[in-house]
Amino acid sequence: MRGIIAAIVSPIDGSGEPDAKAFHDLAAWLLGQGCDGLNVLGTTGEAASFSAGQRAGLMKAVAASGLPMDRMMVGTGAAATQDAVMLTRHAADCGFAGALVVPPFYYKGVPEDGVMRYIEAIVEASPIPLYLYQYPAMSGVPYTVQLVERLIGQFGGRIAGLKDSSGDLDYARNVAKLTAVFPGSEASLGEARAGVFAGCISATANLNSALCHKAFHLGDDAALAAAVRIRKLLEGKPFVPGVKALLSRIHHLPALAAVLPPFVPVPEAEITSLFRAYEAALTG
């Protein structure tokens, strides 16, 4: 996978379950807006707030929806190794192009050998390409450069790349010497266009995917600047509720603003203010 990958949100129905129909419609729209692929059930997709069964159910629904599975990766990492194994095996059975694997995140300060054991169990369970998910601010367990090198040394091409949400571009550049790297922000698309990175996997690509496409594929610097302005609107705010709130206004679907605990929805007055700022950011 390469290029603009939106970390797609997970629409939620009135009973707190993943809404497969709304997901399909949003996914089709994002692909039509210029996304090269989608990352299903990542942080923005609230994967950690769904049960393993709910995650598996949404994967199955996506596979049956007619969406292009060769453009889909899915988050399968979990605190429990056997949950990660089951979800990764299920992702392969569903036909996803890759599995995005956060390290086991409950116990902190674990040795790298422990993370190696976790990845080994996943590798042995399924042939699907694995993308490591570096987000130490959330997981508390880093994929250090040394650990990535060890994983590639042991598992070779099964480690297809890494998503870096650390915000540390020096780290990302060092890992990019070993494997394909997708920074978590569209602000890195200039370097991606130059070949340093494979693209980006971004939460705000839910909102600015057409601009990201122009920036990466057409070299449009004005589009890149607008995409970055939109991302900055959410800095210092609850990120996932903010993305979903803006999407609800863009698509005129209030239900898209629904979030699972421990998130809380953005108040209506704040959505209105945020949407006005979004419209202004589109034009500078």
C-alpha atoms as a PDB file:
ATOM      1  CA  MET A   1       0.000   0.000   0.000  1.00  0.00           C
ATOM      2  CA  ARG A   2       1.132   3.510  -0.782  1.00  0.00           C
ATOM      3  CA  GLY A   3      -0.143   7.066  -0.887  1.00  0.00           C
ATOM      4  CA  ILE A   4      -3.023   8.728   0.937  1.00  0.00           C
ATOM      5  CA  ILE A   5      -4.647   6.393   3.437  1.00  0.00           C
ATOM      6  CA  ALA A   6      -7.468   7.759   5.564  1.00  0.00           C
ATOM      7  CA  ALA A   7      -7.734   6.374   9.085  1.00  0.00           C
ATOM      8  CA  ILE A   8     -11.470   6.065   8.583  1.00  0.00           C
ATOM      9  CA  VAL A   9     -13.854   6.670  11.479  1.00  0.00           C
ATOM     10  CA  SER A  10     -16.301   3.960  12.535  1.00  0.00           C
ATOM     11  CA  PRO A  11     -19.912   5.164  12.285  1.00  0.00           C
ATOM     12  CA  ILE A  12     -21.956   3.946  15.242  1.00  0.00           C
ATOM     13  CA  ASP A  13     -25.658   3.138  15.315  1.00  0.00           C
ATOM     14  CA  GLY A  14     -28.117   3.989  18.071  1.00  0.00           C
ATOM     15  CA  SER A  15     -27.294   0.848  20.037  1.00  0.00           C
ATOM     16  CA  GLY A  16     -23.535   1.453  20.073  1.00  0.00           C
ATOM     17  CA  GLU A  17     -22.740  -1.074  17.352  1.00  0.00           C
ATOM     18  CA  PRO A  18     -20.650  -0.409  14.230  1.00  0.00           C
ATOM     19  CA  ASP A  19     -22.956   0.848  11.464  1.00  0.00           C
ATOM     20  CA  ALA A  20     -21.909  -1.189   8.406  1.00  0.00           C
ATOM     21  CA  LYS A  21     -24.090   0.700   5.911  1.00  0.00           C
ATOM     22  CA  ALA A  22     -22.855   4.121   7.027  1.00  0.00           C
ATOM     23  CA  PHE A  23     -19.293   2.777   7.002  1.00  0.00           C
ATOM     24  CA  HIS A  24     -19.661   1.586   3.404  1.00  0.00           C
ATOM     25  CA  ASP A  25     -21.035   4.934   2.265  1.00  0.00           C
ATOM     26  CA  LEU A  26     -18.258   6.895   3.962  1.00  0.00           C
ATOM     27  CA  ALA A  27     -15.555   4.533   2.675  1.00  0.00           C
ATOM     28  CA  ALA A  28     -16.826   4.779  -0.892  1.00  0.00           C
ATOM     29  CA  TRP A  29     -16.895   8.576  -0.609  1.00  0.00           C
ATOM     30  CA  LEU A  30     -13.330   8.744   0.717  1.00  0.00           C
ATOM     31  CA  LEU A  31     -12.021   6.518  -2.069  1.00  0.00           C
ATOM     32  CA  GLY A  32     -13.871   8.714  -4.551  1.00  0.00           C
ATOM     33  CA  GLN A  33     -12.245  11.794  -3.018  1.00  0.00           C
ATOM     34  CA  GLY A  34      -8.782  10.489  -3.864  1.00  0.00           C
ATOM     35  CA  CYS A  35      -7.738   8.192  -1.032  1.00  0.00           C
ATOM     36  CA  ASP A  36      -5.436   5.431  -2.213  1.00  0.00           C
ATOM     37  CA  GLY A  37      -6.548   3.252   0.664  1.00  0.00           C
ATOM     38  CA  LEU A  38      -8.268   3.133   4.026  1.00  0.00           C
ATOM     39  CA  ASN A  39      -7.139   2.062   7.479  1.00  0.00           C
ATOM     40  CA  VAL A  40     -10.128   0.427   9.144  1.00  0.00           C
ATOM     41  CA  LEU A  41     -10.420   0.135  12.937  1.00  0.00           C
ATOM     42  CA  GLY A  42      -7.394   2.149  13.916  1.00  0.00           C
ATOM     43  CA  THR A  43      -7.269   4.752  16.681  1.00  0.00           C
ATOM     44  CA  THR A  44      -9.622   7.056  14.772  1.00  0.00           C
ATOM     45  CA  GLY A  45     -11.879   4.059  14.160  1.00  0.00           C
ATOM     46  CA  GLU A  46     -12.191   3.627  17.954  1.00  0.00           C
ATOM     47  CA  ALA A  47     -10.953   0.031  17.736  1.00  0.00           C
ATOM     48  CA  ALA A  48      -9.919  -0.045  21.395  1.00  0.00           C
ATOM     49  CA  SER A  49     -13.486   0.831  22.419  1.00  0.00           C
ATOM     50  CA  PHE A  50     -15.046  -2.072  20.498  1.00  0.00           C
ATOM     51  CA  SER A  51     -15.002  -5.685  21.615  1.00  0.00           C
ATOM     52  CA  ALA A  52     -13.033  -8.211  19.575  1.00  0.00           C
ATOM     53  CA  GLY A  53     -16.359  -9.600  18.355  1.00  0.00           C
ATOM     54  CA  GLN A  54     -17.557  -6.179  17.179  1.00  0.00           C
ATOM     55  CA  ARG A  55     -14.276  -5.613  15.371  1.00  0.00           C
ATOM     56  CA  ALA A  56     -14.531  -9.000  13.653  1.00  0.00           C
ATOM     57  CA  GLY A  57     -18.127  -8.265  12.693  1.00  0.00           C
ATOM     58  CA  LEU A  58     -17.229  -4.971  11.041  1.00  0.00           C
ATOM     59  CA  MET A  59     -14.360  -6.643   9.165  1.00  0.00           C
ATOM     60  CA  LYS A  60     -16.781  -9.243   7.819  1.00  0.00           C
ATOM     61  CA  ALA A  61     -19.251  -6.540   6.782  1.00  0.00           C
ATOM     62  CA  VAL A  62     -16.530  -4.600   4.963  1.00  0.00           C
ATOM     63  CA  ALA A  63     -15.449  -7.755   3.121  1.00  0.00           C
ATOM     64  CA  ALA A  64     -19.037  -8.369   1.992  1.00  0.00           C
ATOM     65  CA  SER A  65     -19.687  -4.743   0.985  1.00  0.00           C
ATOM     66  CA  GLY A  66     -18.031  -4.710  -2.428  1.00  0.00           C
ATOM     67  CA  LEU A  67     -15.341  -2.252  -1.338  1.00  0.00           C
ATOM     68  CA  PRO A  68     -11.908  -2.886  -2.913  1.00  0.00           C
ATOM     69  CA  MET A  69     -10.184  -5.035  -0.314  1.00  0.00           C
ATOM     70  CA  ASP A  70      -6.773  -4.576  -1.954  1.00  0.00           C
ATOM     71  CA  ARG A  71      -6.978  -0.958  -0.760  1.00  0.00           C
ATOM     72  CA  MET A  72      -7.901  -1.771   2.841  1.00  0.00           C
ATOM     73  CA  MET A  73      -5.724  -2.359   5.879  1.00  0.00           C
ATOM     74  CA  VAL A  74      -7.231  -3.053   9.268  1.00  0.00           C
ATOM     75  CA  GLY A  75      -6.118  -2.648  12.869  1.00  0.00           C
ATOM     76  CA  THR A  76      -5.781  -6.030  14.561  1.00  0.00           C
ATOM     77  CA  GLY A  77      -3.469  -5.315  17.508  1.00  0.00           C
ATOM     78  CA  ALA A  78      -4.739  -5.930  21.030  1.00  0.00           C
ATOM     79  CA  ALA A  79      -3.610  -6.081  24.642  1.00  0.00           C
ATOM     80  CA  ALA A  80      -4.230  -9.851  24.624  1.00  0.00           C
ATOM     81  CA  THR A  81      -2.065 -11.776  22.173  1.00  0.00           C
ATOM     82  CA  GLN A  82      -4.799 -14.284  21.362  1.00  0.00           C
ATOM     83  CA  ASP A  83      -7.222 -11.469  20.499  1.00  0.00           C
ATOM     84  CA  ALA A  84      -4.598 -10.067  18.129  1.00  0.00           C
ATOM     85  CA  VAL A  85      -4.008 -13.519  16.640  1.00  0.00           C
ATOM     86  CA  MET A  86      -7.728 -14.102  16.116  1.00  0.00           C
ATOM     87  CA  LEU A  87      -8.335 -10.690  14.594  1.00  0.00           C
ATOM     88  CA  THR A  88      -5.320 -10.920  12.291  1.00  0.00           C
ATOM     89  CA  ARG A  89      -6.340 -14.373  11.088  1.00  0.00           C
ATOM     90  CA  HIS A  90      -9.858 -13.049  10.495  1.00  0.00           C
ATOM     91  CA  ALA A  91      -8.469 -10.056   8.574  1.00  0.00           C
ATOM     92  CA  ALA A  92      -6.644 -12.428   6.236  1.00  0.00           C
ATOM     93  CA  ASP A  93      -9.764 -14.556   5.773  1.00  0.00           C
ATOM     94  CA  CYS A  94     -11.734 -11.410   4.911  1.00  0.00           C
ATOM     95  CA  GLY A  95      -9.187 -10.389   2.259  1.00  0.00           C
ATOM     96  CA  PHE A  96      -7.712  -7.254   3.791  1.00  0.00           C
ATOM     97  CA  ALA A  97      -4.460  -6.141   2.163  1.00  0.00           C
ATOM     98  CA  GLY A  98      -2.658  -5.697   5.466  1.00  0.00           C
ATOM     99  CA  ALA A  99      -3.013  -5.727   9.242  1.00  0.00           C
ATOM    100  CA  LEU A 100      -1.953  -2.723  11.343  1.00  0.00           C
ATOM    101  CA  VAL A 101      -0.590  -4.068  14.616  1.00  0.00           C
ATOM    102  CA  VAL A 102      -0.254  -1.940  17.732  1.00  0.00           C
ATOM    103  CA  PRO A 103       2.019  -3.548  20.350  1.00  0.00           C
ATOM    104  CA  PRO A 104       0.425  -5.188  23.410  1.00  0.00           C
ATOM    105  CA  PHE A 105      -0.348  -2.066  25.351  1.00  0.00           C
ATOM    106  CA  TYR A 106      -1.449  -2.789  28.905  1.00  0.00           C
ATOM    107  CA  TYR A 107       1.858  -3.727  30.538  1.00  0.00           C
ATOM    108  CA  LYS A 108       4.482  -0.984  30.287  1.00  0.00           C
ATOM    109  CA  GLY A 109       8.245  -1.337  30.372  1.00  0.00           C
ATOM    110  CA  VAL A 110       8.118  -4.801  28.817  1.00  0.00           C
ATOM    111  CA  PRO A 111      11.320  -6.133  27.201  1.00  0.00           C
ATOM    112  CA  GLU A 112      11.643  -6.094  23.439  1.00  0.00           C
ATOM    113  CA  ASP A 113      11.805  -9.879  23.529  1.00  0.00           C
ATOM    114  CA  GLY A 114       8.223  -9.820  24.815  1.00  0.00           C
ATOM    115  CA  VAL A 115       7.032  -7.753  21.847  1.00  0.00           C
ATOM    116  CA  MET A 116       8.976 -10.120  19.573  1.00  0.00           C
ATOM    117  CA  ARG A 117       6.995 -13.048  21.032  1.00  0.00           C
ATOM    118  CA  TYR A 118       3.736 -11.193  20.377  1.00  0.00           C
ATOM    119  CA  ILE A 119       4.592 -10.484  16.730  1.00  0.00           C
ATOM    120  CA  GLU A 120       5.848 -14.044  16.273  1.00  0.00           C
ATOM    121  CA  ALA A 121       2.476 -15.431  17.387  1.00  0.00           C
ATOM    122  CA  ILE A 122       0.709 -13.166  14.889  1.00  0.00           C
ATOM    123  CA  VAL A 123       3.099 -14.041  12.051  1.00  0.00           C
ATOM    124  CA  GLU A 124       2.591 -17.756  12.663  1.00  0.00           C
ATOM    125  CA  ALA A 125      -1.206 -17.387  12.687  1.00  0.00           C
ATOM    126  CA  SER A 126      -1.730 -15.688   9.336  1.00  0.00           C
ATOM    127  CA  PRO A 127       0.060 -14.881   6.059  1.00  0.00           C
ATOM    128  CA  ILE A 128      -1.271 -11.309   5.866  1.00  0.00           C
ATOM    129  CA  PRO A 129       1.326  -8.482   5.517  1.00  0.00           C
ATOM    130  CA  LEU A 130       1.877  -6.713   8.842  1.00  0.00           C
ATOM    131  CA  TYR A 131       2.251  -2.973   9.370  1.00  0.00           C
ATOM    132  CA  LEU A 132       3.633  -2.004  12.764  1.00  0.00           C
ATOM    133  CA  TYR A 133       1.763   0.794  14.531  1.00  0.00           C
ATOM    134  CA  GLN A 134       4.039   3.166  16.431  1.00  0.00           C
ATOM    135  CA  TYR A 135       1.967   5.308  18.783  1.00  0.00           C
ATOM    136  CA  PRO A 136       3.790   5.310  22.140  1.00  0.00           C
ATOM    137  CA  ALA A 137       1.706   8.194  23.513  1.00  0.00           C
ATOM    138  CA  MET A 138      -1.265   5.817  23.428  1.00  0.00           C
ATOM    139  CA  SER A 139       0.250   2.345  23.713  1.00  0.00           C
ATOM    140  CA  GLY A 140       3.132   3.178  26.054  1.00  0.00           C
ATOM    141  CA  VAL A 141       5.120   0.472  24.247  1.00  0.00           C
ATOM    142  CA  PRO A 142       7.385   1.699  21.436  1.00  0.00           C
ATOM    143  CA  TYR A 143       8.584  -0.017  18.311  1.00  0.00           C
ATOM    144  CA  THR A 144      12.126   1.311  18.631  1.00  0.00           C
ATOM    145  CA  VAL A 145      14.343   1.461  15.554  1.00  0.00           C
ATOM    146  CA  GLN A 146      16.337  -1.404  17.026  1.00  0.00           C
ATOM    147  CA  LEU A 147      13.191  -3.477  17.537  1.00  0.00           C
ATOM    148  CA  VAL A 148      11.951  -2.804  13.999  1.00  0.00           C
ATOM    149  CA  GLU A 149      15.345  -3.930  12.699  1.00  0.00           C
ATOM    150  CA  ARG A 150      15.093  -7.135  14.772  1.00  0.00           C
ATOM    151  CA  LEU A 151      11.568  -7.827  13.562  1.00  0.00           C
ATOM    152  CA  ILE A 152      12.556  -7.403   9.930  1.00  0.00           C
ATOM    153  CA  GLY A 153      15.625  -9.555  10.516  1.00  0.00           C
ATOM    154  CA  GLN A 154      13.501 -12.379  11.918  1.00  0.00           C
ATOM    155  CA  PHE A 155      10.334 -12.094   9.830  1.00  0.00           C
ATOM    156  CA  GLY A 156      11.612 -10.471   6.639  1.00  0.00           C
ATOM    157  CA  GLY A 157       9.000  -9.306   4.184  1.00  0.00           C
ATOM    158  CA  ARG A 158       6.135 -10.179   6.524  1.00  0.00           C
ATOM    159  CA  ILE A 159       6.844  -6.752   8.063  1.00  0.00           C
ATOM    160  CA  ALA A 160       5.472  -4.643   5.228  1.00  0.00           C
ATOM    161  CA  GLY A 161       5.829  -1.227   6.827  1.00  0.00           C
ATOM    162  CA  LEU A 162       5.121   1.013   9.814  1.00  0.00           C
ATOM    163  CA  LYS A 163       2.622   3.711  10.640  1.00  0.00           C
ATOM    164  CA  ASP A 164       4.242   6.385  12.780  1.00  0.00           C
ATOM    165  CA  SER A 165       1.951   8.480  14.941  1.00  0.00           C
ATOM    166  CA  SER A 166       4.733   9.551  17.291  1.00  0.00           C
ATOM    167  CA  GLY A 167       5.248  12.855  15.482  1.00  0.00           C
ATOM    168  CA  ASP A 168       9.016  12.272  15.605  1.00  0.00           C
ATOM    169  CA  LEU A 169      10.129  12.681  11.999  1.00  0.00           C
ATOM    170  CA  ASP A 170      13.737  11.796  12.817  1.00  0.00           C
ATOM    171  CA  TYR A 171      12.484   8.441  14.090  1.00  0.00           C
ATOM    172  CA  ALA A 172      10.327   8.045  10.972  1.00  0.00           C
ATOM    173  CA  ARG A 173      13.249   8.808   8.665  1.00  0.00           C
ATOM    174  CA  ASN A 174      15.436   6.246  10.417  1.00  0.00           C
ATOM    175  CA  VAL A 175      12.781   3.534  10.175  1.00  0.00           C
ATOM    176  CA  ALA A 176      12.208   4.471   6.520  1.00  0.00           C
ATOM    177  CA  LYS A 177      15.733   3.206   5.849  1.00  0.00           C
ATOM    178  CA  LEU A 178      14.453  -0.239   6.891  1.00  0.00           C
ATOM    179  CA  THR A 179      10.863  -0.409   5.610  1.00  0.00           C
ATOM    180  CA  ALA A 180       7.984   1.629   4.214  1.00  0.00           C
ATOM    181  CA  VAL A 181       6.851   4.326   6.649  1.00  0.00           C
ATOM    182  CA  PHE A 182       3.540   6.177   6.738  1.00  0.00           C
ATOM    183  CA  PRO A 183       3.648   9.188   9.080  1.00  0.00           C
ATOM    184  CA  GLY A 184       0.368   9.972  10.780  1.00  0.00           C
ATOM    185  CA  SER A 185       0.162  13.546   9.508  1.00  0.00           C
ATOM    186  CA  GLU A 186      -0.325  14.993   6.033  1.00  0.00           C
ATOM    187  CA  ALA A 187       2.261  17.644   6.964  1.00  0.00           C
ATOM    188  CA  SER A 188       4.870  15.036   5.950  1.00  0.00           C
ATOM    189  CA  LEU A 189       3.549  14.686   2.400  1.00  0.00           C
ATOM    190  CA  GLY A 190       6.302  16.889   0.968  1.00  0.00           C
ATOM    191  CA  GLU A 191       8.882  14.322   2.083  1.00  0.00           C
ATOM    192  CA  ALA A 192       6.627  11.491   0.966  1.00  0.00           C
ATOM    193  CA  ARG A 193       6.406  13.057  -2.476  1.00  0.00           C
ATOM    194  CA  ALA A 194      10.218  13.131  -2.551  1.00  0.00           C
ATOM    195  CA  GLY A 195      10.308   9.407  -1.828  1.00  0.00           C
ATOM    196  CA  VAL A 196      11.331   9.463   1.831  1.00  0.00           C
ATOM    197  CA  PHE A 197       7.991   8.058   3.016  1.00  0.00           C
ATOM    198  CA  ALA A 198       5.403   5.797   1.409  1.00  0.00           C
ATOM    199  CA  GLY A 199       2.594   8.302   1.979  1.00  0.00           C
ATOM    200  CA  CYS A 200       0.602   9.027   5.119  1.00  0.00           C
ATOM    201  CA  ILE A 201      -2.090   7.375   7.203  1.00  0.00           C
ATOM    202  CA  SER A 202      -4.034  10.287   8.594  1.00  0.00           C
ATOM    203  CA  ALA A 203      -7.138  10.792  10.716  1.00  0.00           C
ATOM    204  CA  THR A 204      -7.803  14.165   9.124  1.00  0.00           C
ATOM    205  CA  ALA A 205      -7.752  12.606   5.660  1.00  0.00           C
ATOM    206  CA  ASN A 206     -11.387  11.898   6.541  1.00  0.00           C
ATOM    207  CA  LEU A 207     -11.814  15.662   6.058  1.00  0.00           C
ATOM    208  CA  ASN A 208      -9.216  16.722   3.488  1.00  0.00           C
ATOM    209  CA  SER A 209      -8.549  13.663   1.316  1.00  0.00           C
ATOM    210  CA  ALA A 210      -9.037  15.495  -1.988  1.00  0.00           C
ATOM    211  CA  LEU A 211      -6.457  18.081  -0.925  1.00  0.00           C
ATOM    212  CA  CYS A 212      -4.053  15.351   0.231  1.00  0.00           C
ATOM    213  CA  HIS A 213      -4.436  13.602  -3.119  1.00  0.00           C
ATOM    214  CA  LYS A 214      -3.539  16.787  -4.991  1.00  0.00           C
ATOM    215  CA  ALA A 215      -0.590  17.426  -2.685  1.00  0.00           C
ATOM    216  CA  PHE A 216       0.897  13.933  -3.008  1.00  0.00           C
ATOM    217  CA  HIS A 217       0.042  12.908  -6.550  1.00  0.00           C
ATOM    218  CA  LEU A 218       0.013  16.287  -8.322  1.00  0.00           C
ATOM    219  CA  GLY A 219       2.624  18.215  -6.337  1.00  0.00           C
ATOM    220  CA  ASP A 220       0.097  20.906  -5.425  1.00  0.00           C
ATOM    221  CA  ASP A 221       1.653  22.942  -2.610  1.00  0.00           C
ATOM    222  CA  ALA A 222      -1.448  25.115  -2.153  1.00  0.00           C
ATOM    223  CA  ALA A 223      -3.503  21.977  -1.565  1.00  0.00           C
ATOM    224  CA  LEU A 224      -0.925  20.750   0.943  1.00  0.00           C
ATOM    225  CA  ALA A 225      -1.100  24.043   2.835  1.00  0.00           C
ATOM    226  CA  ALA A 226      -4.913  23.834   2.975  1.00  0.00           C
ATOM    227  CA  ALA A 227      -4.784  20.214   4.157  1.00  0.00           C
ATOM    228  CA  VAL A 228      -2.406  21.173   6.964  1.00  0.00           C
ATOM    229  CA  ARG A 229      -4.621  24.113   7.975  1.00  0.00           C
ATOM    230  CA  ILE A 230      -7.546  21.723   8.367  1.00  0.00           C
ATOM    231  CA  ARG A 231      -5.490  19.372  10.521  1.00  0.00           C
ATOM    232  CA  LYS A 232      -4.406  22.238  12.763  1.00  0.00           C
ATOM    233  CA  LEU A 233      -8.057  23.039  13.527  1.00  0.00           C
ATOM    234  CA  LEU A 234      -8.144  19.956  15.733  1.00  0.00           C
ATOM    235  CA  GLU A 235      -4.880  20.534  17.593  1.00  0.00           C
ATOM    236  CA  GLY A 236      -5.513  20.734  21.318  1.00  0.00           C
ATOM    237  CA  LYS A 237      -9.056  19.392  20.914  1.00  0.00           C
ATOM    238  CA  PRO A 238     -10.469  15.877  21.429  1.00  0.00           C
ATOM    239  CA  PHE A 239      -9.292  14.532  18.099  1.00  0.00           C
ATOM    240  CA  VAL A 240     -11.618  11.643  17.282  1.00  0.00           C
ATOM    241  CA  PRO A 241     -14.821  13.400  18.416  1.00  0.00           C
ATOM    242  CA  GLY A 242     -13.686  16.467  16.459  1.00  0.00           C
ATOM    243  CA  VAL A 243     -13.131  14.556  13.224  1.00  0.00           C
ATOM    244  CA  LYS A 244     -16.497  12.833  13.575  1.00  0.00           C
ATOM    245  CA  ALA A 245     -18.252  16.114  14.400  1.00  0.00           C
ATOM    246  CA  LEU A 246     -16.914  17.769  11.254  1.00  0.00           C
ATOM    247  CA  LEU A 247     -17.813  14.736   9.156  1.00  0.00           C
ATOM    248  CA  SER A 248     -21.360  14.912  10.470  1.00  0.00           C
ATOM    249  CA  ARG A 249     -21.668  18.460   9.125  1.00  0.00           C
ATOM    250  CA  ILE A 250     -19.904  17.758   5.835  1.00  0.00           C
ATOM    251  CA  HIS A 251     -22.268  14.854   5.125  1.00  0.00           C
ATOM    252  CA  HIS A 252     -25.357  16.358   6.806  1.00  0.00           C
ATOM    253  CA  LEU A 253     -25.611  13.232   8.965  1.00  0.00           C
ATOM    254  CA  PRO A 254     -25.799  14.080  12.685  1.00  0.00           C
ATOM    255  CA  ALA A 255     -25.409  10.391  13.585  1.00  0.00           C
ATOM    256  CA  LEU A 256     -21.826  10.472  12.297  1.00  0.00           C
ATOM    257  CA  ALA A 257     -20.878  12.532  15.357  1.00  0.00           C
ATOM    258  CA  ALA A 258     -21.631   9.613  17.703  1.00  0.00           C
ATOM    259  CA  VAL A 259     -18.649   8.307  19.686  1.00  0.00           C
ATOM    260  CA  LEU A 260     -18.171   5.472  22.139  1.00  0.00           C
ATOM    261  CA  PRO A 261     -17.107   5.913  25.783  1.00  0.00           C
ATOM    262  CA  PRO A 262     -14.716   7.151  27.036  1.00  0.00           C
ATOM    263  CA  PHE A 263     -15.159   9.842  24.369  1.00  0.00           C
ATOM    264  CA  VAL A 264     -18.011  12.332  24.613  1.00  0.00           C
ATOM    265  CA  PRO A 265     -19.686  14.022  21.624  1.00  0.00           C
ATOM    266  CA  VAL A 266     -18.732  17.567  20.684  1.00  0.00           C
ATOM    267  CA  PRO A 267     -21.481  20.030  21.747  1.00  0.00           C
ATOM    268  CA  GLU A 268     -23.575  21.367  18.880  1.00  0.00           C
ATOM    269  CA  ALA A 269     -22.418  24.965  19.301  1.00  0.00           C
ATOM    270  CA  GLU A 270     -18.788  23.854  19.093  1.00  0.00           C
ATOM    271  CA  ILE A 271     -19.518  21.814  15.960  1.00  0.00           C
ATOM    272  CA  THR A 272     -20.939  24.933  14.316  1.00  0.00           C
ATOM    273  CA  SER A 273     -17.854  26.966  15.213  1.00  0.00           C
ATOM    274  CA  LEU A 274     -15.516  24.189  14.095  1.00  0.00           C
ATOM    275  CA  PHE A 275     -17.317  23.809  10.780  1.00  0.00           C
ATOM    276  CA  ARG A 276     -17.046  27.525  10.047  1.00  0.00           C
ATOM    277  CA  ALA A 277     -13.314  27.333  10.726  1.00  0.00           C
ATOM    278  CA  TYR A 278     -13.105  24.296   8.440  1.00  0.00           C
ATOM    279  CA  GLU A 279     -14.814  26.174   5.607  1.00  0.00           C
ATOM    280  CA  ALA A 280     -12.406  29.087   6.074  1.00  0.00           C
ATOM    281  CA  ALA A 281      -9.398  26.757   6.114  1.00  0.00           C
ATOM    282  CA  LEU A 282     -10.391  25.312   2.741  1.00  0.00           C
ATOM    283  CA  THR A 283      -9.685  28.638   1.055  1.00  0.00           C
ATOM    284  CA  GLY A 284      -7.018  30.081   3.342  1.00  0.00           C
END
